[in-house]
Amino acid sequence: MLTELSFLGACNQVGSSGILVDTRTEKILMDYGLKLQDKPIQYPEEVDIRLNSVLLTHAHLDHSGAIPYLFHQGQKCPVIGQEISRPLSKMLWLDSIKIAKMEGEKCKFNNNDVKMAVKKYQAVSYRKPFKIGRVAATSYDAGHIPGSSMFLLEINGKKILYTGDFNTEDTRLIAGCDWNIPEPDVLITESTYGGKEHPDREQEERKFIQLVKDTLANDG
């Protein structure tokens, strides 16, 4: 049976991430974020079908920010991610409502929608497979921020890996991403810095510390 992938945002841009996986029997949405740089704030394309599940890679608003809007539209499905992403997302969702009000912008969801999203949140553990109907799903550490995940979906003998935002190197906060993942048949990955080489982290930290010292020395 054919599985269809639909990209609802984040193509050729940063923000409003959203990928719909339609197996004909399961409808799975991976991320549903906002593009904050635009005014008014840009949402992904609307979802006009009943979802079985939302998979959240991490709490940053470009990946999570529009999830409460799904519940404003009447969705009742679980939101699945790491436990730490629940309070982080809640804080950012409520902050989005507050900032929109301060700036005179229209927010498409309200506090009740946030409450529903938090209520529907289901935490999973890394490397512990779970089922969404007939789809087998597994969360792997993406190494981006605390709670960031890559999701591997196994559908009719084929594997789809969605990385979300990921980081390969250890930082002072968290370890780099989990490399020990089964080889996928389809890879969906972010490429924000795909054509760039990051400077050495230790050198950048030293530069930052020196800037702080210089600023303090000048009564900044």
N, C-alpha and C. Protein backbone atom coordinates (compact mmCIF):
# COMPACT_ATOMS: atom_id res chain seq x y z
N MET A 1 0.84 -1.19 0.00
CA MET A 1 0.00 0.00 0.00
C MET A 1 0.88 1.25 0.00
N LEU A 2 0.56 2.21 -0.84
CA LEU A 2 1.37 3.41 -1.01
C LEU A 2 1.27 4.32 0.20
N THR A 3 2.43 4.80 0.68
CA THR A 3 2.50 5.81 1.73
C THR A 3 2.83 7.15 1.10
N GLU A 4 2.08 8.17 1.48
CA GLU A 4 2.26 9.51 0.89
C GLU A 4 2.83 10.47 1.92
N LEU A 5 3.85 11.23 1.50
CA LEU A 5 4.45 12.27 2.34
C LEU A 5 4.04 13.63 1.80
N SER A 6 3.54 14.50 2.68
CA SER A 6 3.18 15.86 2.29
C SER A 6 3.93 16.84 3.18
N PHE A 7 4.58 17.82 2.57
CA PHE A 7 5.35 18.82 3.31
C PHE A 7 4.49 20.07 3.44
N LEU A 8 4.13 20.39 4.67
CA LEU A 8 3.19 21.48 4.94
C LEU A 8 3.88 22.81 5.19
N GLY A 9 5.19 22.81 5.25
CA GLY A 9 5.98 24.02 5.49
C GLY A 9 7.45 23.69 5.56
N ALA A 10 8.26 24.73 5.80
CA ALA A 10 9.70 24.59 6.01
C ALA A 10 10.48 24.18 4.77
N CYS A 11 9.87 24.18 3.61
CA CYS A 11 10.62 23.89 2.39
C CYS A 11 11.27 25.18 1.88
N ASN A 12 12.59 25.15 1.72
CA ASN A 12 13.36 26.32 1.28
C ASN A 12 13.28 27.48 2.27
N GLN A 13 13.03 27.19 3.54
CA GLN A 13 12.98 28.24 4.54
C GLN A 13 13.13 27.62 5.92
N VAL A 14 13.40 28.47 6.91
CA VAL A 14 13.45 28.02 8.30
C VAL A 14 12.12 28.40 8.95
N GLY A 15 11.44 27.42 9.51
CA GLY A 15 10.18 27.71 10.19
C GLY A 15 8.99 27.00 9.59
N SER A 16 7.92 26.94 10.34
CA SER A 16 6.64 26.31 9.98
C SER A 16 6.84 24.87 9.49
N SER A 17 7.66 24.12 10.22
CA SER A 17 7.88 22.71 9.87
C SER A 17 6.60 21.91 10.03
N GLY A 18 6.39 20.96 9.15
CA GLY A 18 5.25 20.07 9.25
C GLY A 18 5.28 19.05 8.13
N ILE A 19 5.31 17.77 8.50
CA ILE A 19 5.35 16.69 7.52
C ILE A 19 4.24 15.71 7.84
N LEU A 20 3.37 15.49 6.88
CA LEU A 20 2.24 14.57 7.06
C LEU A 20 2.57 13.24 6.40
N VAL A 21 2.49 12.17 7.18
CA VAL A 21 2.70 10.81 6.68
C VAL A 21 1.34 10.13 6.62
N ASP A 22 0.92 9.77 5.41
CA ASP A 22 -0.40 9.17 5.20
C ASP A 22 -0.21 7.76 4.65
N THR A 23 -0.48 6.75 5.49
CA THR A 23 -0.35 5.36 5.06
C THR A 23 -1.67 4.80 4.53
N ARG A 24 -2.67 5.62 4.46
CA ARG A 24 -4.05 5.29 4.13
C ARG A 24 -4.82 4.80 5.36
N THR A 25 -4.15 4.11 6.28
CA THR A 25 -4.82 3.70 7.52
C THR A 25 -4.39 4.55 8.70
N GLU A 26 -3.19 5.15 8.63
CA GLU A 26 -2.70 6.04 9.69
C GLU A 26 -2.33 7.40 9.10
N LYS A 27 -2.65 8.43 9.83
CA LYS A 27 -2.28 9.80 9.46
C LYS A 27 -1.40 10.35 10.59
N ILE A 28 -0.13 10.50 10.31
CA ILE A 28 0.84 10.91 11.33
C ILE A 28 1.47 12.23 10.92
N LEU A 29 1.40 13.21 11.80
CA LEU A 29 2.00 14.52 11.55
C LEU A 29 3.29 14.64 12.36
N MET A 30 4.39 14.94 11.68
CA MET A 30 5.67 15.12 12.35
C MET A 30 5.99 16.61 12.40
N ASP A 31 5.92 17.16 13.60
CA ASP A 31 6.12 18.59 13.87
C ASP A 31 5.00 19.44 13.27
N TYR A 32 4.83 20.62 13.83
CA TYR A 32 3.87 21.60 13.31
C TYR A 32 4.26 22.93 13.92
N GLY A 33 5.13 23.65 13.20
CA GLY A 33 5.76 24.83 13.77
C GLY A 33 5.34 26.14 13.15
N LEU A 34 5.97 27.20 13.60
CA LEU A 34 5.70 28.56 13.13
C LEU A 34 6.93 29.15 12.45
N LYS A 35 6.70 30.06 11.52
CA LYS A 35 7.78 30.89 10.99
C LYS A 35 7.65 32.26 11.63
N LEU A 36 8.51 32.52 12.61
CA LEU A 36 8.36 33.71 13.44
C LEU A 36 8.89 34.97 12.77
N GLN A 37 9.73 34.82 11.75
CA GLN A 37 10.32 36.01 11.13
C GLN A 37 9.30 36.81 10.35
N ASP A 38 8.26 36.15 9.87
CA ASP A 38 7.24 36.84 9.07
C ASP A 38 6.22 37.54 9.97
N LYS A 39 5.70 38.66 9.48
CA LYS A 39 4.60 39.35 10.14
C LYS A 39 3.48 39.54 9.13
N PRO A 40 2.30 38.96 9.33
CA PRO A 40 1.96 38.13 10.48
C PRO A 40 2.72 36.81 10.48
N ILE A 41 2.80 36.18 11.64
CA ILE A 41 3.50 34.90 11.78
C ILE A 41 2.91 33.88 10.82
N GLN A 42 3.80 33.12 10.18
CA GLN A 42 3.37 32.15 9.18
C GLN A 42 3.15 30.78 9.80
N TYR A 43 1.98 30.21 9.53
CA TYR A 43 1.64 28.85 9.97
C TYR A 43 1.85 27.88 8.82
N PRO A 44 2.02 26.59 9.11
CA PRO A 44 2.06 25.61 8.02
C PRO A 44 0.70 25.50 7.35
N GLU A 45 0.64 24.75 6.27
CA GLU A 45 -0.64 24.47 5.64
C GLU A 45 -1.55 23.76 6.65
N GLU A 46 -2.84 24.03 6.55
CA GLU A 46 -3.78 23.46 7.51
C GLU A 46 -3.99 21.97 7.25
N VAL A 47 -4.29 21.26 8.33
CA VAL A 47 -4.54 19.82 8.26
C VAL A 47 -6.05 19.60 8.29
N ASP A 48 -6.59 19.07 7.21
CA ASP A 48 -8.05 18.93 7.11
C ASP A 48 -8.50 17.48 7.22
N ILE A 49 -7.63 16.62 7.76
CA ILE A 49 -8.00 15.22 8.00
C ILE A 49 -7.81 14.90 9.48
N ARG A 50 -8.43 13.85 9.94
CA ARG A 50 -8.32 13.44 11.33
C ARG A 50 -6.98 12.72 11.53
N LEU A 51 -6.18 13.24 12.46
CA LEU A 51 -4.85 12.68 12.71
C LEU A 51 -4.90 11.56 13.73
N ASN A 52 -4.00 10.58 13.56
CA ASN A 52 -3.81 9.54 14.57
C ASN A 52 -2.80 9.94 15.62
N SER A 53 -1.83 10.78 15.23
CA SER A 53 -0.79 11.17 16.18
C SER A 53 0.01 12.34 15.62
N VAL A 54 0.57 13.13 16.55
CA VAL A 54 1.57 14.15 16.22
C VAL A 54 2.87 13.74 16.89
N LEU A 55 3.95 13.69 16.12
CA LEU A 55 5.27 13.40 16.66
C LEU A 55 6.04 14.71 16.74
N LEU A 56 6.49 15.07 17.93
CA LEU A 56 7.21 16.33 18.15
C LEU A 56 8.70 16.05 18.32
N THR A 57 9.52 16.62 17.43
CA THR A 57 10.96 16.39 17.53
C THR A 57 11.58 17.18 18.67
N HIS A 58 11.13 18.42 18.88
CA HIS A 58 11.65 19.22 19.99
C HIS A 58 10.80 20.47 20.17
N ALA A 59 11.08 21.21 21.25
CA ALA A 59 10.18 22.27 21.69
C ALA A 59 10.33 23.59 20.95
N HIS A 60 11.40 23.81 20.20
CA HIS A 60 11.57 25.10 19.52
C HIS A 60 10.35 25.42 18.66
N LEU A 61 9.96 26.69 18.64
CA LEU A 61 8.69 27.08 18.04
C LEU A 61 8.61 26.83 16.54
N ASP A 62 9.75 26.80 15.84
CA ASP A 62 9.68 26.52 14.41
C ASP A 62 9.28 25.07 14.14
N HIS A 63 9.28 24.24 15.18
CA HIS A 63 8.84 22.85 15.06
C HIS A 63 7.59 22.54 15.88
N SER A 64 7.38 23.28 16.97
CA SER A 64 6.26 22.96 17.88
C SER A 64 5.15 24.01 17.89
N GLY A 65 5.45 25.21 17.41
CA GLY A 65 4.65 26.39 17.73
C GLY A 65 3.19 26.37 17.32
N ALA A 66 2.83 25.60 16.28
CA ALA A 66 1.44 25.60 15.81
C ALA A 66 0.65 24.40 16.32
N ILE A 67 1.24 23.56 17.14
CA ILE A 67 0.54 22.36 17.61
C ILE A 67 -0.77 22.70 18.34
N PRO A 68 -0.82 23.71 19.21
CA PRO A 68 -2.11 24.03 19.84
C PRO A 68 -3.21 24.38 18.84
N TYR A 69 -2.82 24.92 17.69
CA TYR A 69 -3.80 25.28 16.66
C TYR A 69 -4.51 24.03 16.13
N LEU A 70 -3.83 22.89 16.14
CA LEU A 70 -4.48 21.65 15.73
C LEU A 70 -5.68 21.35 16.62
N PHE A 71 -5.53 21.59 17.92
CA PHE A 71 -6.62 21.32 18.86
C PHE A 71 -7.70 22.39 18.76
N HIS A 72 -7.32 23.60 18.38
CA HIS A 72 -8.31 24.65 18.11
C HIS A 72 -9.21 24.23 16.95
N GLN A 73 -8.65 23.45 16.02
CA GLN A 73 -9.40 22.97 14.86
C GLN A 73 -10.16 21.68 15.14
N GLY A 74 -10.01 21.15 16.36
CA GLY A 74 -10.80 19.97 16.73
C GLY A 74 -10.07 18.65 16.73
N GLN A 75 -8.75 18.66 16.49
CA GLN A 75 -8.01 17.40 16.57
C GLN A 75 -8.04 16.87 18.00
N LYS A 76 -7.98 15.55 18.15
CA LYS A 76 -8.03 14.93 19.47
C LYS A 76 -6.92 13.89 19.66
N CYS A 77 -5.95 13.90 18.79
CA CYS A 77 -4.90 12.87 18.80
C CYS A 77 -3.83 13.15 19.85
N PRO A 78 -3.05 12.14 20.23
CA PRO A 78 -1.94 12.37 21.14
C PRO A 78 -0.80 13.13 20.48
N VAL A 79 -0.06 13.87 21.29
CA VAL A 79 1.20 14.49 20.87
C VAL A 79 2.31 13.70 21.55
N ILE A 80 3.22 13.15 20.77
CA ILE A 80 4.22 12.23 21.30
C ILE A 80 5.62 12.83 21.19
N GLY A 81 6.35 12.80 22.29
CA GLY A 81 7.72 13.31 22.31
C GLY A 81 8.39 12.96 23.62
N GLN A 82 9.56 13.53 23.86
CA GLN A 82 10.26 13.31 25.11
C GLN A 82 9.60 14.09 26.24
N GLU A 83 9.73 13.58 27.46
CA GLU A 83 9.05 14.18 28.61
C GLU A 83 9.42 15.65 28.81
N ILE A 84 10.70 15.98 28.65
CA ILE A 84 11.13 17.36 28.92
C ILE A 84 10.54 18.35 27.92
N SER A 85 10.14 17.86 26.74
CA SER A 85 9.56 18.75 25.73
C SER A 85 8.17 19.24 26.12
N ARG A 86 7.51 18.53 27.03
CA ARG A 86 6.16 18.94 27.45
C ARG A 86 6.19 20.30 28.17
N PRO A 87 6.94 20.47 29.27
CA PRO A 87 6.93 21.78 29.94
C PRO A 87 7.59 22.87 29.10
N LEU A 88 8.61 22.51 28.33
CA LEU A 88 9.26 23.52 27.47
C LEU A 88 8.28 24.03 26.42
N SER A 89 7.55 23.12 25.79
CA SER A 89 6.59 23.53 24.76
C SER A 89 5.47 24.36 25.36
N LYS A 90 4.96 23.92 26.51
CA LYS A 90 3.88 24.66 27.16
C LYS A 90 4.30 26.10 27.43
N MET A 91 5.50 26.28 27.96
CA MET A 91 6.00 27.62 28.26
C MET A 91 6.08 28.48 26.99
N LEU A 92 6.57 27.90 25.91
CA LEU A 92 6.72 28.66 24.66
C LEU A 92 5.37 28.93 24.02
N TRP A 93 4.43 27.99 24.10
CA TRP A 93 3.09 28.23 23.55
C TRP A 93 2.39 29.38 24.26
N LEU A 94 2.44 29.37 25.59
CA LEU A 94 1.80 30.44 26.35
C LEU A 94 2.49 31.77 26.09
N ASP A 95 3.80 31.73 25.93
CA ASP A 95 4.55 32.95 25.64
C ASP A 95 4.16 33.50 24.27
N SER A 96 3.89 32.61 23.31
CA SER A 96 3.47 33.04 21.97
C SER A 96 2.17 33.82 22.03
N ILE A 97 1.23 33.34 22.84
CA ILE A 97 -0.05 34.05 23.00
C ILE A 97 0.19 35.43 23.60
N LYS A 98 1.03 35.48 24.63
CA LYS A 98 1.32 36.74 25.32
C LYS A 98 1.98 37.75 24.38
N ILE A 99 2.98 37.30 23.62
CA ILE A 99 3.71 38.20 22.73
C ILE A 99 2.81 38.68 21.60
N ALA A 100 2.00 37.77 21.05
CA ALA A 100 1.08 38.18 19.98
C ALA A 100 0.14 39.28 20.46
N LYS A 101 -0.35 39.15 21.68
CA LYS A 101 -1.24 40.17 22.25
C LYS A 101 -0.51 41.49 22.43
N MET A 102 0.73 41.44 22.92
CA MET A 102 1.52 42.65 23.14
C MET A 102 1.81 43.38 21.83
N GLU A 103 2.02 42.60 20.75
CA GLU A 103 2.39 43.19 19.46
C GLU A 103 1.19 43.43 18.57
N GLY A 104 -0.01 43.17 19.07
CA GLY A 104 -1.20 43.40 18.28
C GLY A 104 -1.39 42.41 17.15
N GLU A 105 -0.75 41.25 17.26
CA GLU A 105 -0.87 40.21 16.25
C GLU A 105 -1.99 39.24 16.65
N LYS A 106 -2.55 38.57 15.66
CA LYS A 106 -3.58 37.58 15.94
C LYS A 106 -2.92 36.21 16.14
N CYS A 107 -3.21 35.59 17.28
CA CYS A 107 -2.75 34.22 17.53
C CYS A 107 -3.91 33.28 17.23
N LYS A 108 -3.65 32.22 16.48
CA LYS A 108 -4.72 31.33 16.04
C LYS A 108 -5.13 30.30 17.09
N PHE A 109 -4.49 30.35 18.26
CA PHE A 109 -4.89 29.44 19.33
C PHE A 109 -4.93 30.20 20.64
N ASN A 110 -5.54 29.58 21.66
CA ASN A 110 -5.71 30.25 22.94
C ASN A 110 -5.24 29.36 24.09
N ASN A 111 -5.41 29.84 25.31
CA ASN A 111 -4.94 29.09 26.48
C ASN A 111 -5.60 27.72 26.60
N ASN A 112 -6.87 27.62 26.24
CA ASN A 112 -7.55 26.33 26.31
C ASN A 112 -6.96 25.32 25.33
N ASP A 113 -6.55 25.81 24.16
CA ASP A 113 -5.91 24.93 23.18
C ASP A 113 -4.56 24.43 23.70
N VAL A 114 -3.83 25.30 24.39
CA VAL A 114 -2.56 24.90 25.01
C VAL A 114 -2.82 23.84 26.07
N LYS A 115 -3.83 24.05 26.89
CA LYS A 115 -4.17 23.06 27.93
C LYS A 115 -4.47 21.70 27.31
N MET A 116 -5.19 21.70 26.19
CA MET A 116 -5.53 20.44 25.54
C MET A 116 -4.29 19.76 24.96
N ALA A 117 -3.40 20.55 24.36
CA ALA A 117 -2.16 19.99 23.81
C ALA A 117 -1.32 19.35 24.91
N VAL A 118 -1.24 20.02 26.06
CA VAL A 118 -0.47 19.48 27.19
C VAL A 118 -1.15 18.22 27.73
N LYS A 119 -2.47 18.24 27.81
CA LYS A 119 -3.22 17.08 28.31
C LYS A 119 -3.03 15.87 27.40
N LYS A 120 -2.95 16.10 26.10
CA LYS A 120 -2.83 15.01 25.13
C LYS A 120 -1.38 14.54 24.94
N TYR A 121 -0.46 15.20 25.61
CA TYR A 121 0.96 14.86 25.43
C TYR A 121 1.27 13.50 26.04
N GLN A 122 1.97 12.66 25.28
CA GLN A 122 2.41 11.35 25.75
C GLN A 122 3.92 11.26 25.60
N ALA A 123 4.61 11.00 26.71
CA ALA A 123 6.07 10.93 26.69
C ALA A 123 6.53 9.53 26.32
N VAL A 124 7.57 9.47 25.49
CA VAL A 124 8.21 8.20 25.15
C VAL A 124 9.69 8.30 25.49
N SER A 125 10.35 7.17 25.52
CA SER A 125 11.78 7.11 25.82
C SER A 125 12.56 6.84 24.55
N TYR A 126 13.80 7.30 24.53
CA TYR A 126 14.67 6.99 23.40
C TYR A 126 14.83 5.48 23.25
N ARG A 127 14.83 5.03 22.01
CA ARG A 127 15.13 3.63 21.66
C ARG A 127 14.08 2.64 22.15
N LYS A 128 12.94 3.12 22.59
CA LYS A 128 11.85 2.23 23.01
C LYS A 128 10.73 2.30 21.96
N PRO A 129 10.62 1.29 21.09
CA PRO A 129 9.62 1.33 20.02
C PRO A 129 8.20 1.43 20.58
N PHE A 130 7.35 2.10 19.83
CA PHE A 130 5.93 2.20 20.17
C PHE A 130 5.12 2.12 18.89
N LYS A 131 3.84 1.88 19.02
CA LYS A 131 2.99 1.67 17.85
C LYS A 131 2.01 2.82 17.66
N ILE A 132 1.81 3.18 16.41
CA ILE A 132 0.74 4.08 16.00
C ILE A 132 -0.07 3.31 14.97
N GLY A 133 -1.13 2.65 15.41
CA GLY A 133 -1.82 1.73 14.52
C GLY A 133 -0.89 0.61 14.11
N ARG A 134 -0.69 0.48 12.79
CA ARG A 134 0.21 -0.56 12.28
C ARG A 134 1.63 -0.05 12.02
N VAL A 135 1.87 1.19 12.37
CA VAL A 135 3.20 1.79 12.17
C VAL A 135 4.02 1.62 13.45
N ALA A 136 5.24 1.11 13.29
CA ALA A 136 6.18 1.01 14.41
C ALA A 136 7.06 2.26 14.40
N ALA A 137 7.15 2.94 15.54
CA ALA A 137 7.92 4.18 15.63
C ALA A 137 8.93 4.09 16.76
N THR A 138 10.08 4.73 16.56
CA THR A 138 11.13 4.77 17.58
C THR A 138 11.74 6.16 17.60
N SER A 139 11.97 6.67 18.80
CA SER A 139 12.60 7.98 19.00
C SER A 139 14.08 7.79 19.31
N TYR A 140 14.92 8.58 18.64
CA TYR A 140 16.37 8.55 18.88
C TYR A 140 16.84 9.95 19.25
N ASP A 141 17.87 10.01 20.08
CA ASP A 141 18.40 11.29 20.55
C ASP A 141 18.99 12.08 19.37
N ALA A 142 18.51 13.30 19.17
CA ALA A 142 18.99 14.14 18.07
C ALA A 142 20.15 15.05 18.47
N GLY A 143 20.43 15.17 19.78
CA GLY A 143 21.58 15.96 20.23
C GLY A 143 21.47 17.45 19.98
N HIS A 144 20.27 17.95 19.74
CA HIS A 144 20.08 19.37 19.40
C HIS A 144 19.85 20.22 20.65
N ILE A 145 18.83 19.88 21.40
CA ILE A 145 18.55 20.48 22.71
C ILE A 145 18.05 19.34 23.61
N PRO A 146 17.94 19.55 24.92
CA PRO A 146 17.36 18.51 25.76
C PRO A 146 15.98 18.09 25.25
N GLY A 147 15.81 16.79 25.07
CA GLY A 147 14.54 16.27 24.60
C GLY A 147 14.39 16.20 23.10
N SER A 148 15.38 16.62 22.34
CA SER A 148 15.24 16.58 20.88
C SER A 148 15.30 15.15 20.37
N SER A 149 14.49 14.86 19.37
CA SER A 149 14.34 13.49 18.86
C SER A 149 14.42 13.43 17.35
N MET A 150 14.91 12.30 16.88
CA MET A 150 14.72 11.86 15.51
C MET A 150 13.71 10.72 15.57
N PHE A 151 12.83 10.63 14.59
CA PHE A 151 11.83 9.56 14.59
C PHE A 151 12.03 8.63 13.40
N LEU A 152 12.09 7.34 13.71
CA LEU A 152 12.15 6.30 12.69
C LEU A 152 10.80 5.62 12.62
N LEU A 153 10.18 5.65 11.45
CA LEU A 153 8.89 4.99 11.24
C LEU A 153 9.10 3.77 10.35
N GLU A 154 8.53 2.65 10.75
CA GLU A 154 8.59 1.43 9.94
C GLU A 154 7.19 1.13 9.43
N ILE A 155 7.05 1.21 8.09
CA ILE A 155 5.75 1.10 7.45
C ILE A 155 5.84 0.08 6.32
N ASN A 156 5.10 -0.99 6.44
CA ASN A 156 5.07 -2.02 5.39
C ASN A 156 6.47 -2.46 4.97
N GLY A 157 7.34 -2.68 5.94
CA GLY A 157 8.68 -3.17 5.65
C GLY A 157 9.67 -2.11 5.23
N LYS A 158 9.26 -0.85 5.14
CA LYS A 158 10.15 0.25 4.76
C LYS A 158 10.34 1.19 5.95
N LYS A 159 11.50 1.85 5.96
CA LYS A 159 11.84 2.73 7.07
C LYS A 159 11.97 4.18 6.60
N ILE A 160 11.31 5.09 7.33
CA ILE A 160 11.41 6.53 7.09
C ILE A 160 12.05 7.15 8.33
N LEU A 161 13.13 7.89 8.14
CA LEU A 161 13.78 8.59 9.25
C LEU A 161 13.61 10.09 9.07
N TYR A 162 13.02 10.73 10.07
CA TYR A 162 12.91 12.20 10.11
C TYR A 162 13.82 12.69 11.21
N THR A 163 14.82 13.48 10.85
CA THR A 163 15.83 13.89 11.84
C THR A 163 15.39 15.08 12.68
N GLY A 164 14.48 15.93 12.17
CA GLY A 164 14.28 17.22 12.84
C GLY A 164 15.62 17.95 12.85
N ASP A 165 15.82 18.85 13.79
CA ASP A 165 17.12 19.51 13.96
C ASP A 165 18.03 18.57 14.75
N PHE A 166 19.25 18.39 14.28
CA PHE A 166 20.16 17.49 14.98
C PHE A 166 21.56 18.07 15.04
N ASN A 167 22.34 17.58 15.98
CA ASN A 167 23.72 18.03 16.17
C ASN A 167 24.59 16.81 16.40
N THR A 168 25.71 16.75 15.70
CA THR A 168 26.56 15.56 15.76
C THR A 168 27.64 15.64 16.83
N GLU A 169 27.88 16.83 17.39
CA GLU A 169 28.98 17.00 18.32
C GLU A 169 28.48 17.19 19.76
N ASP A 170 29.28 16.72 20.71
CA ASP A 170 28.96 16.95 22.12
C ASP A 170 29.07 18.43 22.46
N THR A 171 28.20 18.90 23.34
CA THR A 171 28.28 20.27 23.84
C THR A 171 28.38 20.21 25.37
N ARG A 172 28.48 21.37 26.00
CA ARG A 172 28.54 21.39 27.46
C ARG A 172 27.21 20.96 28.09
N LEU A 173 26.15 21.04 27.31
CA LEU A 173 24.81 20.72 27.83
C LEU A 173 24.42 19.27 27.57
N ILE A 174 24.61 18.81 26.35
CA ILE A 174 24.17 17.45 25.98
C ILE A 174 25.16 16.81 25.02
N ALA A 175 25.04 15.50 24.90
CA ALA A 175 25.87 14.75 23.95
C ALA A 175 25.32 14.91 22.54
N GLY A 176 26.17 14.65 21.56
CA GLY A 176 25.73 14.68 20.18
C GLY A 176 24.72 13.58 19.89
N CYS A 177 24.21 13.58 18.68
CA CYS A 177 23.10 12.69 18.33
C CYS A 177 23.51 11.21 18.35
N ASP A 178 22.51 10.38 18.44
CA ASP A 178 22.66 8.93 18.39
C ASP A 178 22.90 8.52 16.94
N TRP A 179 24.05 7.89 16.70
CA TRP A 179 24.39 7.45 15.34
C TRP A 179 23.92 6.03 15.05
N ASN A 180 23.61 5.28 16.08
CA ASN A 180 23.31 3.86 15.91
C ASN A 180 21.83 3.67 15.58
N ILE A 181 21.49 4.00 14.34
CA ILE A 181 20.10 3.96 13.88
C ILE A 181 20.03 3.04 12.65
N PRO A 182 19.02 2.20 12.54
CA PRO A 182 18.88 1.36 11.34
C PRO A 182 18.85 2.22 10.07
N GLU A 183 19.45 1.71 9.02
CA GLU A 183 19.51 2.46 7.77
C GLU A 183 18.10 2.65 7.20
N PRO A 184 17.72 3.90 6.92
CA PRO A 184 16.37 4.14 6.41
C PRO A 184 16.29 3.97 4.90
N ASP A 185 15.09 3.74 4.42
CA ASP A 185 14.84 3.75 2.98
C ASP A 185 14.57 5.17 2.49
N VAL A 186 14.01 5.99 3.37
CA VAL A 186 13.74 7.40 3.07
C VAL A 186 14.28 8.25 4.22
N LEU A 187 15.07 9.27 3.88
CA LEU A 187 15.63 10.18 4.89
C LEU A 187 15.06 11.58 4.67
N ILE A 188 14.46 12.13 5.72
CA ILE A 188 13.98 13.51 5.70
C ILE A 188 14.81 14.27 6.72
N THR A 189 15.60 15.24 6.25
CA THR A 189 16.53 15.90 7.16
C THR A 189 16.52 17.40 6.97
N GLU A 190 16.91 18.12 8.02
CA GLU A 190 17.04 19.57 7.91
C GLU A 190 18.42 19.90 7.35
N SER A 191 18.53 21.05 6.68
CA SER A 191 19.80 21.41 6.05
C SER A 191 20.09 22.90 6.21
N THR A 192 19.68 23.46 7.36
CA THR A 192 19.87 24.89 7.59
C THR A 192 21.33 25.29 7.41
N TYR A 193 22.24 24.48 7.94
CA TYR A 193 23.67 24.77 7.83
C TYR A 193 24.36 23.71 6.98
N GLY A 194 23.62 23.11 6.07
CA GLY A 194 24.18 22.03 5.26
C GLY A 194 25.34 22.45 4.38
N GLY A 195 25.37 23.71 3.98
CA GLY A 195 26.45 24.18 3.12
C GLY A 195 27.49 24.99 3.85
N LYS A 196 27.47 24.94 5.18
CA LYS A 196 28.41 25.74 5.97
C LYS A 196 29.21 24.84 6.91
N GLU A 197 30.39 25.30 7.26
CA GLU A 197 31.21 24.59 8.24
C GLU A 197 31.28 25.42 9.50
N HIS A 198 30.87 24.83 10.62
CA HIS A 198 30.86 25.56 11.88
C HIS A 198 32.28 25.83 12.36
N PRO A 199 32.54 27.01 12.93
CA PRO A 199 33.85 27.27 13.53
C PRO A 199 34.06 26.39 14.76
N ASP A 200 35.30 26.26 15.17
CA ASP A 200 35.63 25.46 16.34
C ASP A 200 34.90 26.01 17.57
N ARG A 201 34.19 25.14 18.29
CA ARG A 201 33.37 25.57 19.43
C ARG A 201 34.22 26.19 20.54
N GLU A 202 35.36 25.58 20.85
CA GLU A 202 36.20 26.10 21.94
C GLU A 202 36.72 27.50 21.61
N GLN A 203 37.09 27.73 20.35
CA GLN A 203 37.54 29.06 19.95
C GLN A 203 36.41 30.08 20.08
N GLU A 204 35.21 29.68 19.68
CA GLU A 204 34.06 30.58 19.78
C GLU A 204 33.73 30.89 21.24
N GLU A 205 33.88 29.90 22.11
CA GLU A 205 33.63 30.14 23.54
C GLU A 205 34.64 31.14 24.11
N ARG A 206 35.90 31.00 23.70
CA ARG A 206 36.93 31.93 24.18
C ARG A 206 36.64 33.35 23.69
N LYS A 207 36.21 33.48 22.43
CA LYS A 207 35.86 34.79 21.89
C LYS A 207 34.70 35.40 22.68
N PHE A 208 33.71 34.57 22.98
CA PHE A 208 32.54 35.05 23.73
C PHE A 208 32.94 35.54 25.12
N ILE A 209 33.77 34.75 25.80
CA ILE A 209 34.22 35.14 27.14
C ILE A 209 34.98 36.46 27.09
N GLN A 210 35.83 36.63 26.08
CA GLN A 210 36.59 37.86 25.96
C GLN A 210 35.68 39.05 25.69
N LEU A 211 34.65 38.85 24.88
CA LEU A 211 33.69 39.93 24.62
C LEU A 211 32.98 40.35 25.90
N VAL A 212 32.61 39.38 26.73
CA VAL A 212 31.96 39.69 28.00
C VAL A 212 32.91 40.48 28.90
N LYS A 213 34.16 40.04 28.98
CA LYS A 213 35.15 40.73 29.80
C LYS A 213 35.36 42.16 29.32
N ASP A 214 35.48 42.33 27.99
CA ASP A 214 35.68 43.67 27.44
C ASP A 214 34.49 44.57 27.73
N THR A 215 33.29 44.01 27.61
CA THR A 215 32.07 44.78 27.87
C THR A 215 31.99 45.22 29.33
N LEU A 216 32.29 44.30 30.24
CA LEU A 216 32.27 44.63 31.67
C LEU A 216 33.34 45.66 32.02
N ALA A 217 34.50 45.54 31.38
CA ALA A 217 35.59 46.48 31.64
C ALA A 217 35.24 47.89 31.19
N ASN A 218 34.32 47.98 30.22
CA ASN A 218 33.89 49.29 29.71
C ASN A 218 32.54 49.70 30.29
N ASP A 219 32.24 49.16 31.48
CA ASP A 219 30.99 49.49 32.20
C ASP A 219 29.74 49.14 31.40
N GLY A 220 29.85 48.13 30.56
CA GLY A 220 28.70 47.73 29.74
C GLY A 220 27.75 46.83 30.48
